[in-house]
Amino acid sequence: MVELEPVFIDGAAFTAVTVKLPKTNLMAVFNDKGYIMCGALDVALLNDKLADRKIIAGRATGVRTIEQLLEAPLESVTVEAETLGIHKGTTGRDALLKMI
């Protein structure tokens, strides 16, 4: 099952997607510039093999809901996210605000 819902942070619109799989959920919140995602995101792959795409993304682990994803500190971020001031430890919410 896939759930899509709008998320508004300080008036900025994002889309949240949850994919419910057996024994786990995949979650992401995004806009047209970048995204944050649950622990399924492979930041090393984005930095190494896909670096030429300049993907702005961050990963939070141990989250089970979209709200937890927004509040959690990011465990890792892409090099391109770093250029926007999104660093390891930035909350998902604050990272998204830097993607506006």
PDB file of N, CA and C in Angstrom:
ATOM      1  N   MET A   1       0.842  -1.178   0.000  1.00  0.00           N
ATOM      2  CA  MET A   1       0.000   0.000   0.000  1.00  0.00           C
ATOM      3  C   MET A   1       0.892   1.247   0.000  1.00  0.00           C
ATOM      4  N   VAL A   2       0.488   2.241  -0.766  1.00  0.00           N
ATOM      5  CA  VAL A   2       1.224   3.492  -0.855  1.00  0.00           C
ATOM      6  C   VAL A   2       0.316   4.628  -0.388  1.00  0.00           C
ATOM      7  N   GLU A   3       0.840   5.464   0.505  1.00  0.00           N
ATOM      8  CA  GLU A   3       0.094   6.622   0.997  1.00  0.00           C
ATOM      9  C   GLU A   3       0.851   7.890   0.604  1.00  0.00           C
ATOM     10  N   LEU A   4       0.144   8.844   0.030  1.00  0.00           N
ATOM     11  CA  LEU A   4       0.684  10.163  -0.280  1.00  0.00           C
ATOM     12  C   LEU A   4      -0.087  11.193   0.514  1.00  0.00           C
ATOM     13  N   GLU A   5       0.620  12.161   1.071  1.00  0.00           N
ATOM     14  CA  GLU A   5      -0.070  13.229   1.800  1.00  0.00           C
ATOM     15  C   GLU A   5       0.742  14.514   1.711  1.00  0.00           C
ATOM     16  N   PRO A   6       0.056  15.642   1.687  1.00  0.00           N
ATOM     17  CA  PRO A   6       0.778  16.918   1.699  1.00  0.00           C
ATOM     18  C   PRO A   6       1.307  17.197   3.102  1.00  0.00           C
ATOM     19  N   VAL A   7       2.454  17.843   3.165  1.00  0.00           N
ATOM     20  CA  VAL A   7       3.043  18.271   4.428  1.00  0.00           C
ATOM     21  C   VAL A   7       3.409  19.736   4.249  1.00  0.00           C
ATOM     22  N   PHE A   8       3.008  20.566   5.198  1.00  0.00           N
ATOM     23  CA  PHE A   8       3.332  21.988   5.143  1.00  0.00           C
ATOM     24  C   PHE A   8       4.237  22.336   6.321  1.00  0.00           C
ATOM     25  N   ILE A   9       5.356  22.976   6.016  1.00  0.00           N
ATOM     26  CA  ILE A   9       6.297  23.408   7.041  1.00  0.00           C
ATOM     27  C   ILE A   9       6.521  24.894   6.839  1.00  0.00           C
ATOM     28  N   ASP A  10       6.103  25.682   7.815  1.00  0.00           N
ATOM     29  CA  ASP A  10       6.210  27.140   7.711  1.00  0.00           C
ATOM     30  C   ASP A  10       5.634  27.648   6.395  1.00  0.00           C
ATOM     31  N   GLY A  11       4.531  27.076   5.970  1.00  0.00           N
ATOM     32  CA  GLY A  11       3.846  27.501   4.757  1.00  0.00           C
ATOM     33  C   GLY A  11       4.378  26.900   3.474  1.00  0.00           C
ATOM     34  N   ALA A  12       5.498  26.194   3.525  1.00  0.00           N
ATOM     35  CA  ALA A  12       6.069  25.567   2.326  1.00  0.00           C
ATOM     36  C   ALA A  12       5.475  24.166   2.146  1.00  0.00           C
ATOM     37  N   ALA A  13       5.134  23.834   0.917  1.00  0.00           N
ATOM     38  CA  ALA A  13       4.488  22.556   0.622  1.00  0.00           C
ATOM     39  C   ALA A  13       5.500  21.483   0.244  1.00  0.00           C
ATOM     40  N   PHE A  14       5.321  20.315   0.815  1.00  0.00           N
ATOM     41  CA  PHE A  14       6.101  19.125   0.508  1.00  0.00           C
ATOM     42  C   PHE A  14       5.131  17.969   0.331  1.00  0.00           C
ATOM     43  N   THR A  15       5.617  16.868  -0.201  1.00  0.00           N
ATOM     44  CA  THR A  15       4.819  15.658  -0.334  1.00  0.00           C
ATOM     45  C   THR A  15       5.468  14.567   0.499  1.00  0.00           C
ATOM     46  N   ALA A  16       4.654  13.865   1.274  1.00  0.00           N
ATOM     47  CA  ALA A  16       5.133  12.724   2.050  1.00  0.00           C
ATOM     48  C   ALA A  16       4.601  11.452   1.407  1.00  0.00           C
ATOM     49  N   VAL A  17       5.463  10.466   1.284  1.00  0.00           N
ATOM     50  CA  VAL A  17       5.051   9.180   0.742  1.00  0.00           C
ATOM     51  C   VAL A  17       5.487   8.084   1.712  1.00  0.00           C
ATOM     52  N   THR A  18       4.575   7.165   1.963  1.00  0.00           N
ATOM     53  CA  THR A  18       4.857   5.998   2.786  1.00  0.00           C
ATOM     54  C   THR A  18       4.499   4.767   1.975  1.00  0.00           C
ATOM     55  N   VAL A  19       5.444   3.858   1.847  1.00  0.00           N
ATOM     56  CA  VAL A  19       5.203   2.588   1.169  1.00  0.00           C
ATOM     57  C   VAL A  19       5.220   1.525   2.256  1.00  0.00           C
ATOM     58  N   LYS A  20       4.059   0.906   2.474  1.00  0.00           N
ATOM     59  CA  LYS A  20       3.947  -0.109   3.517  1.00  0.00           C
ATOM     60  C   LYS A  20       4.293  -1.476   2.933  1.00  0.00           C
ATOM     61  N   LEU A  21       5.381  -2.020   3.442  1.00  0.00           N
ATOM     62  CA  LEU A  21       5.879  -3.317   3.010  1.00  0.00           C
ATOM     63  C   LEU A  21       5.784  -4.304   4.174  1.00  0.00           C
ATOM     64  N   PRO A  22       5.895  -5.583   3.911  1.00  0.00           N
ATOM     65  CA  PRO A  22       5.901  -6.537   5.022  1.00  0.00           C
ATOM     66  C   PRO A  22       7.056  -6.230   5.983  1.00  0.00           C
ATOM     67  N   LYS A  23       6.733  -6.048   7.216  1.00  0.00           N
ATOM     68  CA  LYS A  23       7.686  -5.849   8.314  1.00  0.00           C
ATOM     69  C   LYS A  23       8.425  -4.519   8.310  1.00  0.00           C
ATOM     70  N   THR A  24       8.130  -3.621   7.370  1.00  0.00           N
ATOM     71  CA  THR A  24       8.799  -2.310   7.368  1.00  0.00           C
ATOM     72  C   THR A  24       8.015  -1.316   6.525  1.00  0.00           C
ATOM     73  N   ASN A  25       8.337  -0.056   6.678  1.00  0.00           N
ATOM     74  CA  ASN A  25       7.789   1.012   5.844  1.00  0.00           C
ATOM     75  C   ASN A  25       8.942   1.782   5.224  1.00  0.00           C
ATOM     76  N   LEU A  26       8.772   2.218   3.989  1.00  0.00           N
ATOM     77  CA  LEU A  26       9.699   3.145   3.360  1.00  0.00           C
ATOM     78  C   LEU A  26       9.022   4.503   3.374  1.00  0.00           C
ATOM     79  N   MET A  27       9.735   5.536   3.824  1.00  0.00           N
ATOM     80  CA  MET A  27       9.138   6.869   3.933  1.00  0.00           C
ATOM     81  C   MET A  27      10.067   7.926   3.372  1.00  0.00           C
ATOM     82  N   ALA A  28       9.461   8.921   2.727  1.00  0.00           N
ATOM     83  CA  ALA A  28      10.215  10.061   2.222  1.00  0.00           C
ATOM     84  C   ALA A  28       9.328  11.290   2.242  1.00  0.00           C
ATOM     85  N   VAL A  29       9.954  12.440   2.406  1.00  0.00           N
ATOM     86  CA  VAL A  29       9.274  13.724   2.282  1.00  0.00           C
ATOM     87  C   VAL A  29      10.113  14.534   1.299  1.00  0.00           C
ATOM     88  N   PHE A  30       9.452  15.129   0.299  1.00  0.00           N
ATOM     89  CA  PHE A  30      10.212  15.765  -0.773  1.00  0.00           C
ATOM     90  C   PHE A  30       9.509  16.972  -1.363  1.00  0.00           C
ATOM     91  N   ASN A  31      10.297  17.755  -2.087  1.00  0.00           N
ATOM     92  CA  ASN A  31       9.787  18.797  -2.979  1.00  0.00           C
ATOM     93  C   ASN A  31      10.576  18.671  -4.281  1.00  0.00           C
ATOM     94  N   ASP A  32      10.503  19.667  -5.126  1.00  0.00           N
ATOM     95  CA  ASP A  32      11.181  19.562  -6.420  1.00  0.00           C
ATOM     96  C   ASP A  32      12.701  19.736  -6.324  1.00  0.00           C
ATOM     97  N   LYS A  33      13.212  20.067  -5.138  1.00  0.00           N
ATOM     98  CA  LYS A  33      14.642  20.306  -4.972  1.00  0.00           C
ATOM     99  C   LYS A  33      15.385  19.124  -4.331  1.00  0.00           C
ATOM    100  N   GLY A  34      14.737  18.443  -3.369  1.00  0.00           N
ATOM    101  CA  GLY A  34      15.409  17.358  -2.666  1.00  0.00           C
ATOM    102  C   GLY A  34      14.467  16.604  -1.760  1.00  0.00           C
ATOM    103  N   TYR A  35      15.048  15.763  -0.902  1.00  0.00           N
ATOM    104  CA  TYR A  35      14.215  14.937  -0.036  1.00  0.00           C
ATOM    105  C   TYR A  35      14.975  14.441   1.188  1.00  0.00           C
ATOM    106  N   ILE A  36      14.172  14.038   2.180  1.00  0.00           N
ATOM    107  CA  ILE A  36      14.678  13.282   3.316  1.00  0.00           C
ATOM    108  C   ILE A  36      13.992  11.929   3.265  1.00  0.00           C
ATOM    109  N   MET A  37      14.652  10.924   3.823  1.00  0.00           N
ATOM    110  CA  MET A  37      14.114   9.581   3.730  1.00  0.00           C
ATOM    111  C   MET A  37      14.516   8.779   4.958  1.00  0.00           C
ATOM    112  N   CYS A  38      13.819   7.677   5.140  1.00  0.00           N
ATOM    113  CA  CYS A  38      14.124   6.763   6.234  1.00  0.00           C
ATOM    114  C   CYS A  38      15.446   6.049   5.962  1.00  0.00           C
ATOM    115  N   GLY A  39      15.791   5.114   6.818  1.00  0.00           N
ATOM    116  CA  GLY A  39      17.064   4.407   6.747  1.00  0.00           C
ATOM    117  C   GLY A  39      17.311   3.619   5.481  1.00  0.00           C
ATOM    118  N   ALA A  40      16.316   3.434   4.629  1.00  0.00           N
ATOM    119  CA  ALA A  40      16.503   2.686   3.385  1.00  0.00           C
ATOM    120  C   ALA A  40      17.339   3.454   2.359  1.00  0.00           C
ATOM    121  N   LEU A  41      17.511   4.748   2.560  1.00  0.00           N
ATOM    122  CA  LEU A  41      18.271   5.568   1.621  1.00  0.00           C
ATOM    123  C   LEU A  41      19.761   5.231   1.702  1.00  0.00           C
ATOM    124  N   ASP A  42      20.386   5.033   0.567  1.00  0.00           N
ATOM    125  CA  ASP A  42      21.806   4.733   0.500  1.00  0.00           C
ATOM    126  C   ASP A  42      22.568   6.002   0.107  1.00  0.00           C
ATOM    127  N   VAL A  43      22.958   6.792   1.094  1.00  0.00           N
ATOM    128  CA  VAL A  43      23.640   8.059   0.855  1.00  0.00           C
ATOM    129  C   VAL A  43      24.982   7.830   0.162  1.00  0.00           C
ATOM    130  N   ALA A  44      25.686   6.774   0.524  1.00  0.00           N
ATOM    131  CA  ALA A  44      26.977   6.490  -0.106  1.00  0.00           C
ATOM    132  C   ALA A  44      26.811   6.287  -1.609  1.00  0.00           C
ATOM    133  N   LEU A  45      25.769   5.605  -2.020  1.00  0.00           N
ATOM    134  CA  LEU A  45      25.506   5.407  -3.449  1.00  0.00           C
ATOM    135  C   LEU A  45      25.269   6.746  -4.137  1.00  0.00           C
ATOM    136  N   LEU A  46      24.484   7.615  -3.506  1.00  0.00           N
ATOM    137  CA  LEU A  46      24.197   8.923  -4.089  1.00  0.00           C
ATOM    138  C   LEU A  46      25.458   9.769  -4.198  1.00  0.00           C
ATOM    139  N   ASN A  47      26.348   9.648  -3.227  1.00  0.00           N
ATOM    140  CA  ASN A  47      27.588  10.427  -3.238  1.00  0.00           C
ATOM    141  C   ASN A  47      28.633   9.855  -4.191  1.00  0.00           C
ATOM    142  N   ASP A  48      28.670   8.545  -4.327  1.00  0.00           N
ATOM    143  CA  ASP A  48      29.725   7.912  -5.116  1.00  0.00           C
ATOM    144  C   ASP A  48      29.313   7.674  -6.562  1.00  0.00           C
ATOM    145  N   LYS A  49      28.349   6.819  -6.762  1.00  0.00           N
ATOM    146  CA  LYS A  49      27.975   6.397  -8.113  1.00  0.00           C
ATOM    147  C   LYS A  49      27.091   7.410  -8.837  1.00  0.00           C
ATOM    148  N   LEU A  50      26.334   8.194  -8.082  1.00  0.00           N
ATOM    149  CA  LEU A  50      25.397   9.129  -8.705  1.00  0.00           C
ATOM    150  C   LEU A  50      25.752  10.587  -8.403  1.00  0.00           C
ATOM    151  N   ALA A  51      26.990  10.836  -8.029  1.00  0.00           N
ATOM    152  CA  ALA A  51      27.416  12.184  -7.635  1.00  0.00           C
ATOM    153  C   ALA A  51      27.175  13.214  -8.721  1.00  0.00           C
ATOM    154  N   ASP A  52      27.278  12.799  -9.979  1.00  0.00           N
ATOM    155  CA  ASP A  52      27.089  13.746 -11.079  1.00  0.00           C
ATOM    156  C   ASP A  52      25.659  14.272 -11.150  1.00  0.00           C
ATOM    157  N   ARG A  53      24.730  13.615 -10.492  1.00  0.00           N
ATOM    158  CA  ARG A  53      23.333  14.076 -10.478  1.00  0.00           C
ATOM    159  C   ARG A  53      23.083  15.173  -9.449  1.00  0.00           C
ATOM    160  N   LYS A  54      24.036  15.371  -8.545  1.00  0.00           N
ATOM    161  CA  LYS A  54      23.945  16.422  -7.522  1.00  0.00           C
ATOM    162  C   LYS A  54      22.631  16.335  -6.728  1.00  0.00           C
ATOM    163  N   ILE A  55      22.378  15.163  -6.170  1.00  0.00           N
ATOM    164  CA  ILE A  55      21.142  14.896  -5.429  1.00  0.00           C
ATOM    165  C   ILE A  55      21.224  15.467  -4.022  1.00  0.00           C
ATOM    166  N   ILE A  56      20.204  16.225  -3.655  1.00  0.00           N
ATOM    167  CA  ILE A  56      20.097  16.800  -2.318  1.00  0.00           C
ATOM    168  C   ILE A  56      19.207  15.864  -1.503  1.00  0.00           C
ATOM    169  N   ALA A  57      19.804  15.196  -0.506  1.00  0.00           N
ATOM    170  CA  ALA A  57      19.043  14.215   0.266  1.00  0.00           C
ATOM    171  C   ALA A  57      19.663  14.011   1.638  1.00  0.00           C
ATOM    172  N   GLY A  58      18.824  13.560   2.561  1.00  0.00           N
ATOM    173  CA  GLY A  58      19.281  13.217   3.901  1.00  0.00           C
ATOM    174  C   GLY A  58      18.579  11.972   4.390  1.00  0.00           C
ATOM    175  N   ARG A  59      19.225  11.279   5.325  1.00  0.00           N
ATOM    176  CA  ARG A  59      18.717  10.004   5.835  1.00  0.00           C
ATOM    177  C   ARG A  59      18.588  10.059   7.345  1.00  0.00           C
ATOM    178  N   ALA A  60      17.429   9.632   7.842  1.00  0.00           N
ATOM    179  CA  ALA A  60      17.210   9.482   9.277  1.00  0.00           C
ATOM    180  C   ALA A  60      16.919   8.017   9.555  1.00  0.00           C
ATOM    181  N   THR A  61      17.502   7.482  10.606  1.00  0.00           N
ATOM    182  CA  THR A  61      17.291   6.074  10.941  1.00  0.00           C
ATOM    183  C   THR A  61      16.420   5.947  12.189  1.00  0.00           C
ATOM    184  N   GLY A  62      15.820   4.771  12.343  1.00  0.00           N
ATOM    185  CA  GLY A  62      15.009   4.491  13.528  1.00  0.00           C
ATOM    186  C   GLY A  62      13.662   5.178  13.548  1.00  0.00           C
ATOM    187  N   VAL A  63      13.173   5.623  12.397  1.00  0.00           N
ATOM    188  CA  VAL A  63      11.884   6.309  12.344  1.00  0.00           C
ATOM    189  C   VAL A  63      10.809   5.370  11.798  1.00  0.00           C
ATOM    190  N   ARG A  64       9.598   5.538  12.284  1.00  0.00           N
ATOM    191  CA  ARG A  64       8.494   4.677  11.864  1.00  0.00           C
ATOM    192  C   ARG A  64       7.303   5.442  11.295  1.00  0.00           C
ATOM    193  N   THR A  65       7.337   6.777  11.443  1.00  0.00           N
ATOM    194  CA  THR A  65       6.242   7.605  10.938  1.00  0.00           C
ATOM    195  C   THR A  65       6.825   8.834  10.248  1.00  0.00           C
ATOM    196  N   ILE A  66       6.003   9.493   9.462  1.00  0.00           N
ATOM    197  CA  ILE A  66       6.438  10.729   8.806  1.00  0.00           C
ATOM    198  C   ILE A  66       6.786  11.780   9.853  1.00  0.00           C
ATOM    199  N   GLU A  67       6.001  11.893  10.900  1.00  0.00           N
ATOM    200  CA  GLU A  67       6.288  12.887  11.945  1.00  0.00           C
ATOM    201  C   GLU A  67       7.641  12.613  12.596  1.00  0.00           C
ATOM    202  N   GLN A  68       7.950  11.354  12.851  1.00  0.00           N
ATOM    203  CA  GLN A  68       9.262  11.023  13.405  1.00  0.00           C
ATOM    204  C   GLN A  68      10.375  11.373  12.417  1.00  0.00           C
ATOM    205  N   LEU A  69      10.134  11.153  11.135  1.00  0.00           N
ATOM    206  CA  LEU A  69      11.111  11.498  10.106  1.00  0.00           C
ATOM    207  C   LEU A  69      11.384  13.001  10.106  1.00  0.00           C
ATOM    208  N   LEU A  70      10.353  13.797  10.295  1.00  0.00           N
ATOM    209  CA  LEU A  70      10.518  15.251  10.328  1.00  0.00           C
ATOM    210  C   LEU A  70      11.306  15.719  11.557  1.00  0.00           C
ATOM    211  N   GLU A  71      11.127  15.047  12.677  1.00  0.00           N
ATOM    212  CA  GLU A  71      11.744  15.476  13.931  1.00  0.00           C
ATOM    213  C   GLU A  71      13.114  14.868  14.177  1.00  0.00           C
ATOM    214  N   ALA A  72      13.438  13.779  13.508  1.00  0.00           N
ATOM    215  CA  ALA A  72      14.693  13.068  13.763  1.00  0.00           C
ATOM    216  C   ALA A  72      15.900  13.823  13.230  1.00  0.00           C
ATOM    217  N   PRO A  73      17.035  13.698  13.916  1.00  0.00           N
ATOM    218  CA  PRO A  73      18.277  14.244  13.354  1.00  0.00           C
ATOM    219  C   PRO A  73      18.725  13.351  12.193  1.00  0.00           C
ATOM    220  N   LEU A  74      19.217  13.968  11.150  1.00  0.00           N
ATOM    221  CA  LEU A  74      19.685  13.190  10.011  1.00  0.00           C
ATOM    222  C   LEU A  74      20.989  12.483  10.370  1.00  0.00           C
ATOM    223  N   GLU A  75      21.055  11.225  10.021  1.00  0.00           N
ATOM    224  CA  GLU A  75      22.221  10.385  10.312  1.00  0.00           C
ATOM    225  C   GLU A  75      23.304  10.563   9.260  1.00  0.00           C
ATOM    226  N   SER A  76      22.875  10.886   8.035  1.00  0.00           N
ATOM    227  CA  SER A  76      23.821  11.149   6.953  1.00  0.00           C
ATOM    228  C   SER A  76      23.140  12.006   5.896  1.00  0.00           C
ATOM    229  N   VAL A  77      23.955  12.736   5.144  1.00  0.00           N
ATOM    230  CA  VAL A  77      23.443  13.614   4.089  1.00  0.00           C
ATOM    231  C   VAL A  77      24.374  13.532   2.886  1.00  0.00           C
ATOM    232  N   THR A  78      23.858  13.903   1.729  1.00  0.00           N
ATOM    233  CA  THR A  78      24.685  13.906   0.534  1.00  0.00           C
ATOM    234  C   THR A  78      25.602  15.131   0.524  1.00  0.00           C
ATOM    235  N   VAL A  79      26.633  15.037  -0.286  1.00  0.00           N
ATOM    236  CA  VAL A  79      27.559  16.153  -0.454  1.00  0.00           C
ATOM    237  C   VAL A  79      26.795  17.390  -0.932  1.00  0.00           C
ATOM    238  N   GLU A  80      25.871  17.191  -1.834  1.00  0.00           N
ATOM    239  CA  GLU A  80      25.093  18.320  -2.373  1.00  0.00           C
ATOM    240  C   GLU A  80      24.225  18.958  -1.290  1.00  0.00           C
ATOM    241  N   ALA A  81      23.699  18.160  -0.360  1.00  0.00           N
ATOM    242  CA  ALA A  81      22.924  18.712   0.762  1.00  0.00           C
ATOM    243  C   ALA A  81      23.811  19.584   1.643  1.00  0.00           C
ATOM    244  N   GLU A  82      25.045  19.146   1.834  1.00  0.00           N
ATOM    245  CA  GLU A  82      25.999  19.921   2.634  1.00  0.00           C
ATOM    246  C   GLU A  82      26.185  21.325   2.070  1.00  0.00           C
ATOM    247  N   THR A  83      26.140  21.463   0.746  1.00  0.00           N
ATOM    248  CA  THR A  83      26.329  22.782   0.136  1.00  0.00           C
ATOM    249  C   THR A  83      25.191  23.736   0.481  1.00  0.00           C
ATOM    250  N   LEU A  84      24.038  23.183   0.892  1.00  0.00           N
ATOM    251  CA  LEU A  84      22.903  24.018   1.306  1.00  0.00           C
ATOM    252  C   LEU A  84      22.901  24.287   2.810  1.00  0.00           C
ATOM    253  N   GLY A  85      23.878  23.732   3.520  1.00  0.00           N
ATOM    254  CA  GLY A  85      23.914  23.905   4.973  1.00  0.00           C
ATOM    255  C   GLY A  85      23.175  22.823   5.719  1.00  0.00           C
ATOM    256  N   ILE A  86      22.874  21.725   5.057  1.00  0.00           N
ATOM    257  CA  ILE A  86      22.228  20.580   5.695  1.00  0.00           C
ATOM    258  C   ILE A  86      23.343  19.625   6.109  1.00  0.00           C
ATOM    259  N   HIS A  87      23.457  19.397   7.405  1.00  0.00           N
ATOM    260  CA  HIS A  87      24.546  18.581   7.927  1.00  0.00           C
ATOM    261  C   HIS A  87      24.006  17.430   8.759  1.00  0.00           C
ATOM    262  N   LYS A  88      24.833  16.450   9.005  1.00  0.00           N
ATOM    263  CA  LYS A  88      24.502  15.369   9.924  1.00  0.00           C
ATOM    264  C   LYS A  88      24.056  16.006  11.233  1.00  0.00           C
ATOM    265  N   GLY A  89      22.925  15.553  11.772  1.00  0.00           N
ATOM    266  CA  GLY A  89      22.383  16.118  13.009  1.00  0.00           C
ATOM    267  C   GLY A  89      21.286  17.143  12.786  1.00  0.00           C
ATOM    268  N   THR A  90      21.188  17.708  11.580  1.00  0.00           N
ATOM    269  CA  THR A  90      20.088  18.618  11.247  1.00  0.00           C
ATOM    270  C   THR A  90      18.788  17.823  11.302  1.00  0.00           C
ATOM    271  N   THR A  91      17.739  18.393  11.874  1.00  0.00           N
ATOM    272  CA  THR A  91      16.459  17.670  11.867  1.00  0.00           C
ATOM    273  C   THR A  91      15.903  17.610  10.453  1.00  0.00           C
ATOM    274  N   GLY A  92      15.069  16.618  10.218  1.00  0.00           N
ATOM    275  CA  GLY A  92      14.444  16.502   8.907  1.00  0.00           C
ATOM    276  C   GLY A  92      13.683  17.759   8.543  1.00  0.00           C
ATOM    277  N   ARG A  93      12.957  18.306   9.489  1.00  0.00           N
ATOM    278  CA  ARG A  93      12.173  19.537   9.256  1.00  0.00           C
ATOM    279  C   ARG A  93      13.078  20.686   8.822  1.00  0.00           C
ATOM    280  N   ASP A  94      14.168  20.898   9.550  1.00  0.00           N
ATOM    281  CA  ASP A  94      15.078  21.988   9.208  1.00  0.00           C
ATOM    282  C   ASP A  94      15.768  21.755   7.867  1.00  0.00           C
ATOM    283  N   ALA A  95      16.077  20.503   7.574  1.00  0.00           N
ATOM    284  CA  ALA A  95      16.680  20.182   6.262  1.00  0.00           C
ATOM    285  C   ALA A  95      15.715  20.542   5.135  1.00  0.00           C
ATOM    286  N   LEU A  96      14.456  20.186   5.289  1.00  0.00           N
ATOM    287  CA  LEU A  96      13.475  20.503   4.251  1.00  0.00           C
ATOM    288  C   LEU A  96      13.340  22.009   4.073  1.00  0.00           C
ATOM    289  N   LEU A  97      13.365  22.756   5.147  1.00  0.00           N
ATOM    290  CA  LEU A  97      13.255  24.207   5.038  1.00  0.00           C
ATOM    291  C   LEU A  97      14.427  24.800   4.253  1.00  0.00           C
ATOM    292  N   LYS A  98      15.591  24.172   4.323  1.00  0.00           N
ATOM    293  CA  LYS A  98      16.737  24.641   3.538  1.00  0.00           C
ATOM    294  C   LYS A  98      16.617  24.279   2.067  1.00  0.00           C
ATOM    295  N   MET A  99      15.655  23.420   1.745  1.00  0.00           N
ATOM    296  CA  MET A  99      15.422  23.002   0.351  1.00  0.00           C
ATOM    297  C   MET A  99      14.385  23.859  -0.353  1.00  0.00           C
ATOM    298  N   ILE A 100      13.904  24.888   0.305  1.00  0.00           N
ATOM    299  CA  ILE A 100      12.882  25.736  -0.312  1.00  0.00           C
ATOM    300  C   ILE A 100      13.535  26.618  -1.377  1.00  0.00           C
TER     301      ILE A 100
END
